[in-house]
Amino acid sequence: MKRSHILVPKPKSKFQKVQCKECSAENILYSHVTTTVTCKSCGNVIAEPTGSIAKIHGTVLGILE
């Protein structure tokens, strides 16, 4: 019995490469963060949790697959 007609759901969350506004360092973070994320270099806040998709305080350079 073939089950090719059954669709597998894809996750809506993903990992993102984000550049800090202050020091231009690149950080990899999850799109649905649950805690405040700070930059590894300078310590500024990069992402804040909102309950679903995070509020990002930087530039998103790309999405990692």
N, C-alpha and C. Protein backbone atom coordinates (compact mmCIF):
# COMPACT_ATOMS: atom_id res chain seq x y z
N MET A 1 0.83 -1.17 0.00
CA MET A 1 0.00 0.00 0.00
C MET A 1 0.89 1.25 0.00
N LYS A 2 0.77 2.09 -1.00
CA LYS A 2 1.56 3.31 -1.10
C LYS A 2 0.92 4.42 -0.28
N ARG A 3 1.80 5.21 0.33
CA ARG A 3 1.32 6.35 1.12
C ARG A 3 1.93 7.65 0.60
N SER A 4 2.09 7.77 -0.68
CA SER A 4 2.70 8.96 -1.26
C SER A 4 1.79 10.18 -1.17
N HIS A 5 0.53 9.98 -0.93
CA HIS A 5 -0.41 11.10 -0.86
C HIS A 5 -0.44 11.75 0.52
N ILE A 6 0.20 11.13 1.54
CA ILE A 6 0.23 11.70 2.89
C ILE A 6 1.35 12.73 2.95
N LEU A 7 1.02 13.97 3.29
CA LEU A 7 1.99 15.05 3.36
C LEU A 7 2.61 15.10 4.76
N VAL A 8 3.91 15.32 4.81
CA VAL A 8 4.62 15.46 6.07
C VAL A 8 4.75 16.95 6.36
N PRO A 9 4.29 17.41 7.53
CA PRO A 9 4.36 18.84 7.82
C PRO A 9 5.80 19.30 8.02
N LYS A 10 6.11 20.50 7.56
CA LYS A 10 7.44 21.10 7.70
C LYS A 10 7.40 22.07 8.89
N PRO A 11 8.48 22.17 9.66
CA PRO A 11 8.50 23.11 10.77
C PRO A 11 8.56 24.56 10.27
N LYS A 12 7.94 25.47 11.01
CA LYS A 12 7.95 26.88 10.63
C LYS A 12 9.14 27.62 11.23
N SER A 13 9.82 27.00 12.18
CA SER A 13 10.97 27.62 12.80
C SER A 13 12.25 27.22 12.07
N LYS A 14 13.28 28.07 12.19
CA LYS A 14 14.54 27.81 11.49
C LYS A 14 15.67 28.55 12.20
N PHE A 15 16.88 28.18 11.85
CA PHE A 15 18.06 28.87 12.37
C PHE A 15 18.41 30.01 11.42
N GLN A 16 18.85 31.14 12.00
CA GLN A 16 19.16 32.33 11.21
C GLN A 16 20.56 32.83 11.56
N LYS A 17 21.24 33.39 10.56
CA LYS A 17 22.52 34.05 10.79
C LYS A 17 22.23 35.54 10.90
N VAL A 18 22.53 36.12 12.07
CA VAL A 18 22.19 37.51 12.37
C VAL A 18 23.46 38.29 12.63
N GLN A 19 23.53 39.51 12.08
CA GLN A 19 24.68 40.39 12.27
C GLN A 19 24.32 41.45 13.31
N CYS A 20 25.19 41.66 14.28
CA CYS A 20 25.00 42.65 15.33
C CYS A 20 25.11 44.06 14.74
N LYS A 21 24.27 44.98 15.23
CA LYS A 21 24.31 46.36 14.74
C LYS A 21 25.55 47.10 15.22
N GLU A 22 26.01 46.82 16.43
CA GLU A 22 27.11 47.56 17.02
C GLU A 22 28.48 47.12 16.51
N CYS A 23 28.76 45.81 16.58
CA CYS A 23 30.12 45.35 16.28
C CYS A 23 30.23 44.55 14.99
N SER A 24 29.14 44.32 14.29
CA SER A 24 29.08 43.59 13.02
C SER A 24 29.53 42.14 13.13
N ALA A 25 29.45 41.57 14.32
CA ALA A 25 29.76 40.15 14.50
C ALA A 25 28.55 39.32 14.07
N GLU A 26 28.83 38.14 13.50
CA GLU A 26 27.75 37.26 13.06
C GLU A 26 27.46 36.22 14.13
N ASN A 27 26.18 36.03 14.42
CA ASN A 27 25.73 35.05 15.40
C ASN A 27 24.65 34.19 14.77
N ILE A 28 24.59 32.93 15.17
CA ILE A 28 23.56 32.02 14.70
C ILE A 28 22.57 31.82 15.83
N LEU A 29 21.28 32.05 15.55
CA LEU A 29 20.27 31.88 16.57
C LEU A 29 18.99 31.28 15.99
N TYR A 30 18.15 30.81 16.88
CA TYR A 30 16.90 30.15 16.52
C TYR A 30 15.83 31.21 16.32
N SER A 31 14.92 30.99 15.40
CA SER A 31 13.91 32.00 15.08
C SER A 31 12.87 32.17 16.18
N HIS A 32 12.68 31.16 17.02
CA HIS A 32 11.70 31.22 18.11
C HIS A 32 12.43 31.13 19.46
N VAL A 33 13.25 32.13 19.78
CA VAL A 33 14.02 32.09 21.02
C VAL A 33 13.10 32.20 22.23
N THR A 34 13.50 31.60 23.34
CA THR A 34 12.70 31.65 24.57
C THR A 34 13.36 32.51 25.64
N THR A 35 14.62 32.87 25.44
CA THR A 35 15.31 33.76 26.36
C THR A 35 15.97 34.87 25.55
N THR A 36 16.36 35.94 26.22
CA THR A 36 17.03 37.05 25.55
C THR A 36 18.42 36.60 25.09
N VAL A 37 18.74 36.88 23.83
CA VAL A 37 20.03 36.48 23.25
C VAL A 37 20.90 37.71 23.12
N THR A 38 22.16 37.60 23.60
CA THR A 38 23.10 38.70 23.50
C THR A 38 24.22 38.35 22.54
N CYS A 39 24.91 39.37 22.04
CA CYS A 39 26.02 39.19 21.12
C CYS A 39 27.20 38.55 21.85
N LYS A 40 27.91 37.66 21.16
CA LYS A 40 29.06 36.99 21.76
C LYS A 40 30.23 37.95 21.96
N SER A 41 30.34 38.96 21.11
CA SER A 41 31.48 39.87 21.16
C SER A 41 31.26 41.04 22.11
N CYS A 42 30.17 41.80 21.90
CA CYS A 42 30.00 43.05 22.63
C CYS A 42 28.96 42.96 23.75
N GLY A 43 28.09 41.97 23.74
CA GLY A 43 27.11 41.81 24.82
C GLY A 43 25.80 42.54 24.62
N ASN A 44 25.59 43.18 23.48
CA ASN A 44 24.32 43.85 23.21
C ASN A 44 23.23 42.83 22.92
N VAL A 45 21.97 43.22 23.16
CA VAL A 45 20.84 42.33 22.93
C VAL A 45 20.59 42.21 21.43
N ILE A 46 20.54 40.96 20.94
CA ILE A 46 20.28 40.71 19.52
C ILE A 46 18.84 40.29 19.28
N ALA A 47 18.28 39.46 20.17
CA ALA A 47 16.92 38.96 19.98
C ALA A 47 16.19 38.88 21.32
N GLU A 48 14.88 39.19 21.29
CA GLU A 48 14.04 39.12 22.47
C GLU A 48 12.87 38.20 22.19
N PRO A 49 12.44 37.39 23.15
CA PRO A 49 11.30 36.51 22.94
C PRO A 49 9.99 37.30 22.95
N THR A 50 9.04 36.87 22.11
CA THR A 50 7.73 37.53 22.06
C THR A 50 6.58 36.55 22.23
N GLY A 51 6.87 35.27 22.35
CA GLY A 51 5.83 34.27 22.46
C GLY A 51 5.74 33.42 21.21
N SER A 52 6.19 33.95 20.09
CA SER A 52 6.26 33.16 18.85
C SER A 52 7.59 33.50 18.17
N ILE A 53 7.56 34.19 17.07
CA ILE A 53 8.80 34.56 16.37
C ILE A 53 9.49 35.69 17.15
N ALA A 54 10.79 35.58 17.31
CA ALA A 54 11.57 36.53 18.11
C ALA A 54 11.65 37.89 17.44
N LYS A 55 11.77 38.93 18.27
CA LYS A 55 12.02 40.28 17.77
C LYS A 55 13.53 40.44 17.67
N ILE A 56 14.03 40.62 16.44
CA ILE A 56 15.46 40.64 16.20
C ILE A 56 15.94 42.08 16.07
N HIS A 57 17.00 42.42 16.84
CA HIS A 57 17.59 43.75 16.82
C HIS A 57 18.92 43.68 16.08
N GLY A 58 18.87 43.35 14.83
CA GLY A 58 20.07 43.21 14.01
C GLY A 58 19.66 42.95 12.58
N THR A 59 20.61 42.58 11.76
CA THR A 59 20.35 42.30 10.35
C THR A 59 20.41 40.80 10.12
N VAL A 60 19.34 40.24 9.53
CA VAL A 60 19.32 38.82 9.20
C VAL A 60 20.07 38.64 7.89
N LEU A 61 21.18 37.89 7.93
CA LEU A 61 22.01 37.68 6.75
C LEU A 61 21.55 36.51 5.91
N GLY A 62 20.92 35.53 6.54
CA GLY A 62 20.47 34.37 5.80
C GLY A 62 19.83 33.34 6.72
N ILE A 63 19.24 32.34 6.08
CA ILE A 63 18.59 31.25 6.79
C ILE A 63 19.41 30.00 6.56
N LEU A 64 19.72 29.29 7.63
CA LEU A 64 20.52 28.06 7.53
C LEU A 64 19.59 26.88 7.29
N GLU A 65 20.00 26.01 6.41
CA GLU A 65 19.19 24.83 6.10
C GLU A 65 19.71 23.63 6.85
